[in-house]
Amino acid sequence: MSNLSPIGKSFVSAKMAYDAAKEAYDLARQEVLDTGVSEIECDDGVLVKVSLQERKNFDNKKAKSFLTAEQIAECVMDPTVTSIVTIKIKAQ
């Protein structure tokens, strides 16, 4: 047993707590998204806001083979859209 054992145990404990908290967070996040609303005002004055952003993906590998700006612009994959959901908590 090395003198690093307590650090290892601390890490394992923290990881287990993180995993449990992440699971609870993921469930709560999905509940918020399932409501379909963009804002939820809590009794304690906290506001939960949901926003959705979409962005286009860029094919870097394909772009590297092109030299002109016009050719690089062709690498933007219009049909491939990624949704980004952000949930923010703000005290009021």
PDB file of N, CA and C in Angstrom:
ATOM      1  N   MET A   1       0.859  -1.177   0.000  1.00  0.00           N
ATOM      2  CA  MET A   1       0.000   0.000   0.000  1.00  0.00           C
ATOM      3  C   MET A   1       0.904   1.239   0.000  1.00  0.00           C
ATOM      4  N   SER A   2       0.679   2.112  -0.944  1.00  0.00           N
ATOM      5  CA  SER A   2       1.520   3.300  -1.060  1.00  0.00           C
ATOM      6  C   SER A   2       0.870   4.487  -0.358  1.00  0.00           C
ATOM      7  N   ASN A   3       1.639   5.561  -0.260  1.00  0.00           N
ATOM      8  CA  ASN A   3       1.087   6.761   0.354  1.00  0.00           C
ATOM      9  C   ASN A   3       0.096   7.468  -0.573  1.00  0.00           C
ATOM     10  N   LEU A   4      -0.075   6.945  -1.789  1.00  0.00           N
ATOM     11  CA  LEU A   4      -1.061   7.504  -2.720  1.00  0.00           C
ATOM     12  C   LEU A   4      -2.434   6.855  -2.569  1.00  0.00           C
ATOM     13  N   SER A   5      -2.517   5.820  -1.761  1.00  0.00           N
ATOM     14  CA  SER A   5      -3.777   5.109  -1.562  1.00  0.00           C
ATOM     15  C   SER A   5      -4.928   6.025  -1.148  1.00  0.00           C
ATOM     16  N   PRO A   6      -4.719   6.961  -0.194  1.00  0.00           N
ATOM     17  CA  PRO A   6      -5.822   7.852   0.181  1.00  0.00           C
ATOM     18  C   PRO A   6      -6.306   8.717  -0.997  1.00  0.00           C
ATOM     19  N   ILE A   7      -5.379   9.107  -1.871  1.00  0.00           N
ATOM     20  CA  ILE A   7      -5.770   9.903  -3.049  1.00  0.00           C
ATOM     21  C   ILE A   7      -6.616   9.043  -3.982  1.00  0.00           C
ATOM     22  N   GLY A   8      -6.204   7.796  -4.153  1.00  0.00           N
ATOM     23  CA  GLY A   8      -6.979   6.880  -4.989  1.00  0.00           C
ATOM     24  C   GLY A   8      -8.364   6.644  -4.431  1.00  0.00           C
ATOM     25  N   LYS A   9      -8.443   6.413  -3.125  1.00  0.00           N
ATOM     26  CA  LYS A   9      -9.741   6.204  -2.479  1.00  0.00           C
ATOM     27  C   LYS A   9     -10.607   7.448  -2.591  1.00  0.00           C
ATOM     28  N   SER A  10      -9.995   8.612  -2.418  1.00  0.00           N
ATOM     29  CA  SER A  10     -10.723   9.875  -2.538  1.00  0.00           C
ATOM     30  C   SER A  10     -11.286  10.035  -3.943  1.00  0.00           C
ATOM     31  N   PHE A  11     -10.466   9.665  -4.940  1.00  0.00           N
ATOM     32  CA  PHE A  11     -10.909   9.762  -6.330  1.00  0.00           C
ATOM     33  C   PHE A  11     -12.092   8.837  -6.584  1.00  0.00           C
ATOM     34  N   VAL A  12     -11.984   7.595  -6.128  1.00  0.00           N
ATOM     35  CA  VAL A  12     -13.067   6.627  -6.330  1.00  0.00           C
ATOM     36  C   VAL A  12     -14.344   7.119  -5.676  1.00  0.00           C
ATOM     37  N   SER A  13     -14.236   7.640  -4.472  1.00  0.00           N
ATOM     38  CA  SER A  13     -15.401   8.161  -3.761  1.00  0.00           C
ATOM     39  C   SER A  13     -16.021   9.330  -4.524  1.00  0.00           C
ATOM     40  N   ALA A  14     -15.160  10.244  -4.984  1.00  0.00           N
ATOM     41  CA  ALA A  14     -15.650  11.398  -5.738  1.00  0.00           C
ATOM     42  C   ALA A  14     -16.306  10.965  -7.044  1.00  0.00           C
ATOM     43  N   LYS A  15     -15.713   9.978  -7.716  1.00  0.00           N
ATOM     44  CA  LYS A  15     -16.266   9.479  -8.978  1.00  0.00           C
ATOM     45  C   LYS A  15     -17.627   8.846  -8.762  1.00  0.00           C
ATOM     46  N   MET A  16     -17.781   8.094  -7.680  1.00  0.00           N
ATOM     47  CA  MET A  16     -19.072   7.478  -7.382  1.00  0.00           C
ATOM     48  C   MET A  16     -20.122   8.547  -7.096  1.00  0.00           C
ATOM     49  N   ALA A  17     -19.748   9.566  -6.338  1.00  0.00           N
ATOM     50  CA  ALA A  17     -20.681  10.663  -6.052  1.00  0.00           C
ATOM     51  C   ALA A  17     -21.034  11.414  -7.330  1.00  0.00           C
ATOM     52  N   TYR A  18     -20.021  11.633  -8.180  1.00  0.00           N
ATOM     53  CA  TYR A  18     -20.249  12.311  -9.464  1.00  0.00           C
ATOM     54  C   TYR A  18     -21.233  11.520 -10.325  1.00  0.00           C
ATOM     55  N   ASP A  19     -21.019  10.204 -10.417  1.00  0.00           N
ATOM     56  CA  ASP A  19     -21.893   9.364 -11.229  1.00  0.00           C
ATOM     57  C   ASP A  19     -23.333   9.418 -10.733  1.00  0.00           C
ATOM     58  N   ALA A  20     -23.520   9.376  -9.418  1.00  0.00           N
ATOM     59  CA  ALA A  20     -24.871   9.451  -8.851  1.00  0.00           C
ATOM     60  C   ALA A  20     -25.492  10.818  -9.130  1.00  0.00           C
ATOM     61  N   ALA A  21     -24.711  11.874  -8.958  1.00  0.00           N
ATOM     62  CA  ALA A  21     -25.217  13.220  -9.216  1.00  0.00           C
ATOM     63  C   ALA A  21     -25.517  13.408 -10.694  1.00  0.00           C
ATOM     64  N   LYS A  22     -24.678  12.860 -11.566  1.00  0.00           N
ATOM     65  CA  LYS A  22     -24.892  12.994 -13.010  1.00  0.00           C
ATOM     66  C   LYS A  22     -26.169  12.289 -13.419  1.00  0.00           C
ATOM     67  N   GLU A  23     -26.411  11.133 -12.850  1.00  0.00           N
ATOM     68  CA  GLU A  23     -27.639  10.404 -13.164  1.00  0.00           C
ATOM     69  C   GLU A  23     -28.863  11.222 -12.745  1.00  0.00           C
ATOM     70  N   ALA A  24     -28.825  11.796 -11.548  1.00  0.00           N
ATOM     71  CA  ALA A  24     -29.935  12.636 -11.083  1.00  0.00           C
ATOM     72  C   ALA A  24     -30.076  13.875 -11.968  1.00  0.00           C
ATOM     73  N   TYR A  25     -28.945  14.466 -12.353  1.00  0.00           N
ATOM     74  CA  TYR A  25     -28.962  15.635 -13.229  1.00  0.00           C
ATOM     75  C   TYR A  25     -29.576  15.284 -14.590  1.00  0.00           C
ATOM     76  N   ASP A  26     -29.152  14.163 -15.165  1.00  0.00           N
ATOM     77  CA  ASP A  26     -29.665  13.762 -16.471  1.00  0.00           C
ATOM     78  C   ASP A  26     -31.174  13.534 -16.430  1.00  0.00           C
ATOM     79  N   LEU A  27     -31.660  12.920 -15.353  1.00  0.00           N
ATOM     80  CA  LEU A  27     -33.108  12.696 -15.211  1.00  0.00           C
ATOM     81  C   LEU A  27     -33.851  14.028 -15.077  1.00  0.00           C
ATOM     82  N   ALA A  28     -33.338  14.919 -14.233  1.00  0.00           N
ATOM     83  CA  ALA A  28     -33.976  16.223 -14.041  1.00  0.00           C
ATOM     84  C   ALA A  28     -33.930  17.042 -15.326  1.00  0.00           C
ATOM     85  N   ARG A  29     -32.807  16.980 -16.045  1.00  0.00           N
ATOM     86  CA  ARG A  29     -32.658  17.706 -17.313  1.00  0.00           C
ATOM     87  C   ARG A  29     -33.711  17.235 -18.312  1.00  0.00           C
ATOM     88  N   GLN A  30     -33.891  15.908 -18.395  1.00  0.00           N
ATOM     89  CA  GLN A  30     -34.877  15.371 -19.330  1.00  0.00           C
ATOM     90  C   GLN A  30     -36.286  15.794 -18.935  1.00  0.00           C
ATOM     91  N   GLU A  31     -36.571  15.846 -17.634  1.00  0.00           N
ATOM     92  CA  GLU A  31     -37.885  16.316 -17.177  1.00  0.00           C
ATOM     93  C   GLU A  31     -38.119  17.759 -17.604  1.00  0.00           C
ATOM     94  N   VAL A  32     -37.083  18.598 -17.478  1.00  0.00           N
ATOM     95  CA  VAL A  32     -37.199  19.994 -17.905  1.00  0.00           C
ATOM     96  C   VAL A  32     -37.478  20.052 -19.402  1.00  0.00           C
ATOM     97  N   LEU A  33     -36.715  19.299 -20.195  1.00  0.00           N
ATOM     98  CA  LEU A  33     -36.907  19.303 -21.641  1.00  0.00           C
ATOM     99  C   LEU A  33     -38.285  18.769 -22.023  1.00  0.00           C
ATOM    100  N   ASP A  34     -38.772  17.766 -21.314  1.00  0.00           N
ATOM    101  CA  ASP A  34     -40.079  17.167 -21.613  1.00  0.00           C
ATOM    102  C   ASP A  34     -41.238  18.125 -21.395  1.00  0.00           C
ATOM    103  N   THR A  35     -41.028  19.171 -20.571  1.00  0.00           N
ATOM    104  CA  THR A  35     -42.113  20.134 -20.363  1.00  0.00           C
ATOM    105  C   THR A  35     -42.407  20.916 -21.625  1.00  0.00           C
ATOM    106  N   GLY A  36     -41.394  21.089 -22.479  1.00  0.00           N
ATOM    107  CA  GLY A  36     -41.584  21.820 -23.724  1.00  0.00           C
ATOM    108  C   GLY A  36     -41.615  23.322 -23.569  1.00  0.00           C
ATOM    109  N   VAL A  37     -41.384  23.823 -22.371  1.00  0.00           N
ATOM    110  CA  VAL A  37     -41.399  25.273 -22.151  1.00  0.00           C
ATOM    111  C   VAL A  37     -39.969  25.807 -22.165  1.00  0.00           C
ATOM    112  N   SER A  38     -39.846  27.123 -22.396  1.00  0.00           N
ATOM    113  CA  SER A  38     -38.510  27.712 -22.481  1.00  0.00           C
ATOM    114  C   SER A  38     -38.046  28.288 -21.147  1.00  0.00           C
ATOM    115  N   GLU A  39     -38.971  28.479 -20.204  1.00  0.00           N
ATOM    116  CA  GLU A  39     -38.605  29.012 -18.889  1.00  0.00           C
ATOM    117  C   GLU A  39     -39.454  28.363 -17.809  1.00  0.00           C
ATOM    118  N   ILE A  40     -38.820  28.118 -16.681  1.00  0.00           N
ATOM    119  CA  ILE A  40     -39.545  27.635 -15.499  1.00  0.00           C
ATOM    120  C   ILE A  40     -39.108  28.514 -14.339  1.00  0.00           C
ATOM    121  N   GLU A  41     -40.068  29.221 -13.743  1.00  0.00           N
ATOM    122  CA  GLU A  41     -39.755  30.050 -12.579  1.00  0.00           C
ATOM    123  C   GLU A  41     -40.038  29.244 -11.326  1.00  0.00           C
ATOM    124  N   CYS A  42     -39.034  29.123 -10.480  1.00  0.00           N
ATOM    125  CA  CYS A  42     -39.158  28.346  -9.248  1.00  0.00           C
ATOM    126  C   CYS A  42     -39.671  29.236  -8.116  1.00  0.00           C
ATOM    127  N   ASP A  43     -40.195  28.611  -7.069  1.00  0.00           N
ATOM    128  CA  ASP A  43     -40.747  29.344  -5.929  1.00  0.00           C
ATOM    129  C   ASP A  43     -39.719  30.233  -5.246  1.00  0.00           C
ATOM    130  N   ASP A  44     -38.434  29.842  -5.291  1.00  0.00           N
ATOM    131  CA  ASP A  44     -37.402  30.608  -4.598  1.00  0.00           C
ATOM    132  C   ASP A  44     -36.789  31.705  -5.463  1.00  0.00           C
ATOM    133  N   GLY A  45     -37.424  32.002  -6.596  1.00  0.00           N
ATOM    134  CA  GLY A  45     -36.944  33.079  -7.454  1.00  0.00           C
ATOM    135  C   GLY A  45     -35.889  32.654  -8.455  1.00  0.00           C
ATOM    136  N   VAL A  46     -35.572  31.381  -8.514  1.00  0.00           N
ATOM    137  CA  VAL A  46     -34.606  30.887  -9.494  1.00  0.00           C
ATOM    138  C   VAL A  46     -35.334  30.650 -10.812  1.00  0.00           C
ATOM    139  N   LEU A  47     -34.704  31.047 -11.899  1.00  0.00           N
ATOM    140  CA  LEU A  47     -35.288  30.889 -13.228  1.00  0.00           C
ATOM    141  C   LEU A  47     -34.478  29.859 -13.998  1.00  0.00           C
ATOM    142  N   VAL A  48     -35.138  28.830 -14.501  1.00  0.00           N
ATOM    143  CA  VAL A  48     -34.502  27.822 -15.335  1.00  0.00           C
ATOM    144  C   VAL A  48     -34.877  28.139 -16.777  1.00  0.00           C
ATOM    145  N   LYS A  49     -33.869  28.400 -17.623  1.00  0.00           N
ATOM    146  CA  LYS A  49     -34.110  28.761 -19.019  1.00  0.00           C
ATOM    147  C   LYS A  49     -33.552  27.684 -19.929  1.00  0.00           C
ATOM    148  N   VAL A  50     -34.311  27.344 -20.962  1.00  0.00           N
ATOM    149  CA  VAL A  50     -33.890  26.357 -21.945  1.00  0.00           C
ATOM    150  C   VAL A  50     -33.735  27.073 -23.277  1.00  0.00           C
ATOM    151  N   SER A  51     -32.601  26.871 -23.929  1.00  0.00           N
ATOM    152  CA  SER A  51     -32.414  27.451 -25.259  1.00  0.00           C
ATOM    153  C   SER A  51     -31.904  26.363 -26.195  1.00  0.00           C
ATOM    154  N   LEU A  52     -32.242  26.498 -27.457  1.00  0.00           N
ATOM    155  CA  LEU A  52     -31.830  25.539 -28.476  1.00  0.00           C
ATOM    156  C   LEU A  52     -31.065  26.285 -29.549  1.00  0.00           C
ATOM    157  N   GLN A  53     -29.907  25.771 -29.903  1.00  0.00           N
ATOM    158  CA  GLN A  53     -29.108  26.340 -30.978  1.00  0.00           C
ATOM    159  C   GLN A  53     -28.808  25.240 -31.968  1.00  0.00           C
ATOM    160  N   GLU A  54     -28.701  25.581 -33.226  1.00  0.00           N
ATOM    161  CA  GLU A  54     -28.304  24.624 -34.240  1.00  0.00           C
ATOM    162  C   GLU A  54     -27.075  25.152 -34.942  1.00  0.00           C
ATOM    163  N   ARG A  55     -26.188  24.258 -35.298  1.00  0.00           N
ATOM    164  CA  ARG A  55     -24.989  24.658 -36.013  1.00  0.00           C
ATOM    165  C   ARG A  55     -24.709  23.642 -37.106  1.00  0.00           C
ATOM    166  N   LYS A  56     -24.021  24.101 -38.125  1.00  0.00           N
ATOM    167  CA  LYS A  56     -23.634  23.217 -39.216  1.00  0.00           C
ATOM    168  C   LYS A  56     -22.256  22.652 -38.908  1.00  0.00           C
ATOM    169  N   ASN A  57     -22.045  21.400 -39.274  1.00  0.00           N
ATOM    170  CA  ASN A  57     -20.749  20.760 -39.086  1.00  0.00           C
ATOM    171  C   ASN A  57     -19.875  21.025 -40.298  1.00  0.00           C
ATOM    172  N   PHE A  58     -18.585  21.096 -40.067  1.00  0.00           N
ATOM    173  CA  PHE A  58     -17.619  21.368 -41.122  1.00  0.00           C
ATOM    174  C   PHE A  58     -16.706  20.162 -41.290  1.00  0.00           C
ATOM    175  N   ASP A  59     -16.573  19.686 -42.507  1.00  0.00           N
ATOM    176  CA  ASP A  59     -15.745  18.521 -42.817  1.00  0.00           C
ATOM    177  C   ASP A  59     -14.305  18.986 -43.045  1.00  0.00           C
ATOM    178  N   ASN A  60     -13.508  18.999 -42.001  1.00  0.00           N
ATOM    179  CA  ASN A  60     -12.130  19.491 -42.084  1.00  0.00           C
ATOM    180  C   ASN A  60     -11.270  18.654 -43.026  1.00  0.00           C
ATOM    181  N   LYS A  61     -11.460  17.353 -43.014  1.00  0.00           N
ATOM    182  CA  LYS A  61     -10.646  16.482 -43.856  1.00  0.00           C
ATOM    183  C   LYS A  61     -10.850  16.832 -45.331  1.00  0.00           C
ATOM    184  N   LYS A  62     -12.078  17.031 -45.707  1.00  0.00           N
ATOM    185  CA  LYS A  62     -12.378  17.390 -47.090  1.00  0.00           C
ATOM    186  C   LYS A  62     -11.842  18.790 -47.409  1.00  0.00           C
ATOM    187  N   ALA A  63     -11.979  19.706 -46.462  1.00  0.00           N
ATOM    188  CA  ALA A  63     -11.538  21.086 -46.679  1.00  0.00           C
ATOM    189  C   ALA A  63     -10.034  21.179 -46.900  1.00  0.00           C
ATOM    190  N   LYS A  64      -9.281  20.308 -46.270  1.00  0.00           N
ATOM    191  CA  LYS A  64      -7.823  20.346 -46.402  1.00  0.00           C
ATOM    192  C   LYS A  64      -7.364  20.093 -47.833  1.00  0.00           C
ATOM    193  N   SER A  65      -8.184  19.419 -48.604  1.00  0.00           N
ATOM    194  CA  SER A  65      -7.795  19.120 -49.979  1.00  0.00           C
ATOM    195  C   SER A  65      -8.105  20.280 -50.932  1.00  0.00           C
ATOM    196  N   PHE A  66      -8.787  21.295 -50.450  1.00  0.00           N
ATOM    197  CA  PHE A  66      -9.138  22.447 -51.290  1.00  0.00           C
ATOM    198  C   PHE A  66      -8.232  23.634 -50.980  1.00  0.00           C
ATOM    199  N   LEU A  67      -8.066  24.505 -51.943  1.00  0.00           N
ATOM    200  CA  LEU A  67      -7.192  25.651 -51.748  1.00  0.00           C
ATOM    201  C   LEU A  67      -7.953  26.978 -51.740  1.00  0.00           C
ATOM    202  N   THR A  68      -9.058  27.048 -52.473  1.00  0.00           N
ATOM    203  CA  THR A  68      -9.754  28.333 -52.576  1.00  0.00           C
ATOM    204  C   THR A  68     -10.846  28.451 -51.519  1.00  0.00           C
ATOM    205  N   ALA A  69     -11.244  29.689 -51.245  1.00  0.00           N
ATOM    206  CA  ALA A  69     -12.321  29.942 -50.274  1.00  0.00           C
ATOM    207  C   ALA A  69     -13.638  29.345 -50.763  1.00  0.00           C
ATOM    208  N   GLU A  70     -13.874  29.376 -52.051  1.00  0.00           N
ATOM    209  CA  GLU A  70     -15.113  28.811 -52.612  1.00  0.00           C
ATOM    210  C   GLU A  70     -15.162  27.295 -52.394  1.00  0.00           C
ATOM    211  N   GLN A  71     -14.030  26.651 -52.583  1.00  0.00           N
ATOM    212  CA  GLN A  71     -13.992  25.204 -52.384  1.00  0.00           C
ATOM    213  C   GLN A  71     -14.168  24.844 -50.911  1.00  0.00           C
ATOM    214  N   ILE A  72     -13.592  25.624 -50.024  1.00  0.00           N
ATOM    215  CA  ILE A  72     -13.747  25.371 -48.585  1.00  0.00           C
ATOM    216  C   ILE A  72     -15.203  25.566 -48.175  1.00  0.00           C
ATOM    217  N   ALA A  73     -15.862  26.582 -48.740  1.00  0.00           N
ATOM    218  CA  ALA A  73     -17.271  26.833 -48.418  1.00  0.00           C
ATOM    219  C   ALA A  73     -18.150  25.651 -48.810  1.00  0.00           C
ATOM    220  N   GLU A  74     -17.755  24.908 -49.844  1.00  0.00           N
ATOM    221  CA  GLU A  74     -18.524  23.733 -50.282  1.00  0.00           C
ATOM    222  C   GLU A  74     -18.483  22.593 -49.258  1.00  0.00           C
ATOM    223  N   CYS A  75     -17.573  22.668 -48.327  1.00  0.00           N
ATOM    224  CA  CYS A  75     -17.412  21.594 -47.341  1.00  0.00           C
ATOM    225  C   CYS A  75     -18.411  21.683 -46.198  1.00  0.00           C
ATOM    226  N   VAL A  76     -19.174  22.755 -46.123  1.00  0.00           N
ATOM    227  CA  VAL A  76     -20.186  22.873 -45.080  1.00  0.00           C
ATOM    228  C   VAL A  76     -21.328  21.926 -45.438  1.00  0.00           C
ATOM    229  N   MET A  77     -21.597  20.990 -44.537  1.00  0.00           N
ATOM    230  CA  MET A  77     -22.595  19.956 -44.800  1.00  0.00           C
ATOM    231  C   MET A  77     -23.979  20.444 -44.360  1.00  0.00           C
ATOM    232  N   ASP A  78     -24.731  21.019 -45.277  1.00  0.00           N
ATOM    233  CA  ASP A  78     -26.050  21.564 -44.974  1.00  0.00           C
ATOM    234  C   ASP A  78     -27.005  20.538 -44.355  1.00  0.00           C
ATOM    235  N   PRO A  79     -27.046  19.315 -44.862  1.00  0.00           N
ATOM    236  CA  PRO A  79     -28.006  18.368 -44.278  1.00  0.00           C
ATOM    237  C   PRO A  79     -27.638  17.918 -42.866  1.00  0.00           C
ATOM    238  N   THR A  80     -26.386  18.100 -42.458  1.00  0.00           N
ATOM    239  CA  THR A  80     -25.970  17.655 -41.140  1.00  0.00           C
ATOM    240  C   THR A  80     -26.072  18.812 -40.165  1.00  0.00           C
ATOM    241  N   VAL A  81     -27.107  18.798 -39.333  1.00  0.00           N
ATOM    242  CA  VAL A  81     -27.334  19.860 -38.360  1.00  0.00           C
ATOM    243  C   VAL A  81     -27.278  19.255 -36.972  1.00  0.00           C
ATOM    244  N   THR A  82     -26.524  19.866 -36.086  1.00  0.00           N
ATOM    245  CA  THR A  82     -26.400  19.394 -34.714  1.00  0.00           C
ATOM    246  C   THR A  82     -27.171  20.335 -33.799  1.00  0.00           C
ATOM    247  N   SER A  83     -28.029  19.805 -32.966  1.00  0.00           N
ATOM    248  CA  SER A  83     -28.773  20.612 -32.006  1.00  0.00           C
ATOM    249  C   SER A  83     -27.978  20.713 -30.713  1.00  0.00           C
ATOM    250  N   ILE A  84     -27.912  21.912 -30.170  1.00  0.00           N
ATOM    251  CA  ILE A  84     -27.221  22.155 -28.908  1.00  0.00           C
ATOM    252  C   ILE A  84     -28.246  22.724 -27.938  1.00  0.00           C
ATOM    253  N   VAL A  85     -28.475  22.029 -26.830  1.00  0.00           N
ATOM    254  CA  VAL A  85     -29.432  22.475 -25.830  1.00  0.00           C
ATOM    255  C   VAL A  85     -28.643  22.981 -24.617  1.00  0.00           C
ATOM    256  N   THR A  86     -28.980  24.187 -24.162  1.00  0.00           N
ATOM    257  CA  THR A  86     -28.330  24.766 -22.993  1.00  0.00           C
ATOM    258  C   THR A  86     -29.382  25.021 -21.933  1.00  0.00           C
ATOM    259  N   ILE A  87     -29.114  24.618 -20.710  1.00  0.00           N
ATOM    260  CA  ILE A  87     -30.002  24.904 -19.585  1.00  0.00           C
ATOM    261  C   ILE A  87     -29.199  25.752 -18.609  1.00  0.00           C
ATOM    262  N   LYS A  88     -29.704  26.956 -18.318  1.00  0.00           N
ATOM    263  CA  LYS A  88     -29.011  27.848 -17.408  1.00  0.00           C
ATOM    264  C   LYS A  88     -29.862  28.075 -16.167  1.00  0.00           C
ATOM    265  N   ILE A  89     -29.209  28.232 -15.048  1.00  0.00           N
ATOM    266  CA  ILE A  89     -29.884  28.523 -13.788  1.00  0.00           C
ATOM    267  C   ILE A  89     -29.399  29.902 -13.330  1.00  0.00           C
ATOM    268  N   LYS A  90     -30.348  30.807 -13.127  1.00  0.00           N
ATOM    269  CA  LYS A  90     -30.000  32.165 -12.715  1.00  0.00           C
ATOM    270  C   LYS A  90     -30.813  32.541 -11.481  1.00  0.00           C
ATOM    271  N   ALA A  91     -30.144  33.058 -10.479  1.00  0.00           N
ATOM    272  CA  ALA A  91     -30.847  33.572  -9.300  1.00  0.00           C
ATOM    273  C   ALA A  91     -31.423  34.935  -9.657  1.00  0.00           C
ATOM    274  N   GLN A  92     -32.637  35.202  -9.220  1.00  0.00           N
ATOM    275  CA  GLN A  92     -33.260  36.492  -9.533  1.00  0.00           C
ATOM    276  C   GLN A  92     -33.247  37.396  -8.337  1.00  0.00           C
TER     277      GLN A  92
END
